[in-house]
């Protein structure tokens, strides 16, 4: 199997667009928040596979669905 890094991984501008961040540490923080798996290269910059959405577990989508079922209440009204 041949790997072409230009086709298999997101470029730096694509990662910045995806996260909305330009600072390396903020990009990593945002990727973790979004649940997108990545590895860090030798410089500590995150490397993201193009098929990152296929590697996300189904448990994450189930958690989102369970949160949608709970009706929202403002924190002021919660006891």
C-alpha atoms as a PDB file:
ATOM      1  CA  UNK A   1       0.000   0.000   0.000  1.00  0.00           C
ATOM      2  CA  UNK A   2       1.438   3.312  -1.060  1.00  0.00           C
ATOM      3  CA  UNK A   3       0.837   6.420   1.042  1.00  0.00           C
ATOM      4  CA  UNK A   4       0.881   9.836  -0.555  1.00  0.00           C
ATOM      5  CA  UNK A   5       1.071  12.388   2.254  1.00  0.00           C
ATOM      6  CA  UNK A   6      -0.431  15.066   0.025  1.00  0.00           C
ATOM      7  CA  UNK A   7      -3.604  13.030  -0.460  1.00  0.00           C
ATOM      8  CA  UNK A   8      -3.870  11.199   2.891  1.00  0.00           C
ATOM      9  CA  UNK A   9      -3.364  14.070   5.348  1.00  0.00           C
ATOM     10  CA  UNK A  10      -4.827  17.558   5.699  1.00  0.00           C
ATOM     11  CA  UNK A  11      -2.529  20.449   4.827  1.00  0.00           C
ATOM     12  CA  UNK A  12      -1.664  23.183   7.324  1.00  0.00           C
ATOM     13  CA  UNK A  13      -4.162  25.669   5.763  1.00  0.00           C
ATOM     14  CA  UNK A  14      -6.869  22.985   5.818  1.00  0.00           C
ATOM     15  CA  UNK A  15      -6.257  22.256   9.519  1.00  0.00           C
ATOM     16  CA  UNK A  16      -6.333  25.991  10.273  1.00  0.00           C
ATOM     17  CA  UNK A  17      -9.603  26.341   8.356  1.00  0.00           C
ATOM     18  CA  UNK A  18     -11.118  23.298  10.070  1.00  0.00           C
ATOM     19  CA  UNK A  19     -10.281  24.527  13.572  1.00  0.00           C
ATOM     20  CA  UNK A  20     -10.488  28.273  12.985  1.00  0.00           C
ATOM     21  CA  UNK A  21      -7.134  28.621  14.783  1.00  0.00           C
ATOM     22  CA  UNK A  22      -3.601  29.464  13.627  1.00  0.00           C
ATOM     23  CA  UNK A  23      -1.617  28.937  16.837  1.00  0.00           C
ATOM     24  CA  UNK A  24      -0.300  25.361  17.212  1.00  0.00           C
ATOM     25  CA  UNK A  25      -1.424  24.902  20.824  1.00  0.00           C
ATOM     26  CA  UNK A  26      -4.872  26.375  20.074  1.00  0.00           C
ATOM     27  CA  UNK A  27      -5.242  24.064  17.059  1.00  0.00           C
ATOM     28  CA  UNK A  28      -4.456  21.047  19.249  1.00  0.00           C
ATOM     29  CA  UNK A  29      -6.917  22.236  21.895  1.00  0.00           C
ATOM     30  CA  UNK A  30      -9.653  22.717  19.275  1.00  0.00           C
ATOM     31  CA  UNK A  31      -9.026  19.318  17.659  1.00  0.00           C
ATOM     32  CA  UNK A  32      -9.382  17.694  21.089  1.00  0.00           C
ATOM     33  CA  UNK A  33     -12.598  19.647  21.720  1.00  0.00           C
ATOM     34  CA  UNK A  34     -13.967  18.562  18.340  1.00  0.00           C
ATOM     35  CA  UNK A  35     -12.964  14.944  18.963  1.00  0.00           C
ATOM     36  CA  UNK A  36     -10.808  14.762  15.857  1.00  0.00           C
ATOM     37  CA  UNK A  37      -7.948  12.259  16.195  1.00  0.00           C
ATOM     38  CA  UNK A  38      -4.450  13.450  15.319  1.00  0.00           C
ATOM     39  CA  UNK A  39      -0.774  12.745  15.878  1.00  0.00           C
ATOM     40  CA  UNK A  40       1.908  15.327  16.489  1.00  0.00           C
ATOM     41  CA  UNK A  41       4.905  15.524  14.180  1.00  0.00           C
ATOM     42  CA  UNK A  42       8.479  16.179  15.371  1.00  0.00           C
ATOM     43  CA  UNK A  43       7.726  19.911  15.627  1.00  0.00           C
ATOM     44  CA  UNK A  44       4.619  19.288  17.727  1.00  0.00           C
ATOM     45  CA  UNK A  45       2.237  20.291  14.918  1.00  0.00           C
ATOM     46  CA  UNK A  46      -0.903  18.135  14.633  1.00  0.00           C
ATOM     47  CA  UNK A  47      -1.225  15.791  11.666  1.00  0.00           C
ATOM     48  CA  UNK A  48      -4.817  14.885  10.711  1.00  0.00           C
ATOM     49  CA  UNK A  49      -5.840  12.123   8.310  1.00  0.00           C
ATOM     50  CA  UNK A  50      -8.345  13.085   5.620  1.00  0.00           C
ATOM     51  CA  UNK A  51     -10.590  10.219   6.705  1.00  0.00           C
ATOM     52  CA  UNK A  52     -10.739  11.482  10.322  1.00  0.00           C
ATOM     53  CA  UNK A  53     -14.547  11.476  10.233  1.00  0.00           C
ATOM     54  CA  UNK A  54     -14.622   7.743   9.499  1.00  0.00           C
ATOM     55  CA  UNK A  55     -12.409   6.931  12.489  1.00  0.00           C
ATOM     56  CA  UNK A  56     -14.636   8.680  15.027  1.00  0.00           C
ATOM     57  CA  UNK A  57     -16.460   6.225  17.231  1.00  0.00           C
ATOM     58  CA  UNK A  58     -20.221   5.853  17.220  1.00  0.00           C
ATOM     59  CA  UNK A  59     -20.319   6.537  20.961  1.00  0.00           C
ATOM     60  CA  UNK A  60     -19.672  10.218  20.260  1.00  0.00           C
ATOM     61  CA  UNK A  61     -22.733  10.483  18.017  1.00  0.00           C
ATOM     62  CA  UNK A  62     -24.827   8.593  20.560  1.00  0.00           C
ATOM     63  CA  UNK A  63     -23.799  11.070  23.276  1.00  0.00           C
ATOM     64  CA  UNK A  64     -24.898  13.966  21.081  1.00  0.00           C
ATOM     65  CA  UNK A  65     -28.266  12.311  20.475  1.00  0.00           C
ATOM     66  CA  UNK A  66     -28.793  11.690  24.191  1.00  0.00           C
ATOM     67  CA  UNK A  67     -28.043  15.360  24.968  1.00  0.00           C
ATOM     68  CA  UNK A  68     -30.619  16.465  22.414  1.00  0.00           C
ATOM     69  CA  UNK A  69     -33.331  14.477  24.201  1.00  0.00           C
ATOM     70  CA  UNK A  70     -32.847  16.396  27.469  1.00  0.00           C
ATOM     71  CA  UNK A  71     -34.849  19.639  27.454  1.00  0.00           C
ATOM     72  CA  UNK A  72     -32.794  22.760  27.998  1.00  0.00           C
ATOM     73  CA  UNK A  73     -33.285  24.832  31.176  1.00  0.00           C
ATOM     74  CA  UNK A  74     -31.469  28.040  32.015  1.00  0.00           C
ATOM     75  CA  UNK A  75     -28.996  27.691  34.888  1.00  0.00           C
ATOM     76  CA  UNK A  76     -30.904  30.374  36.824  1.00  0.00           C
ATOM     77  CA  UNK A  77     -33.978  28.137  37.079  1.00  0.00           C
ATOM     78  CA  UNK A  78     -32.109  24.970  38.065  1.00  0.00           C
ATOM     79  CA  UNK A  79     -32.045  24.187  41.753  1.00  0.00           C
END
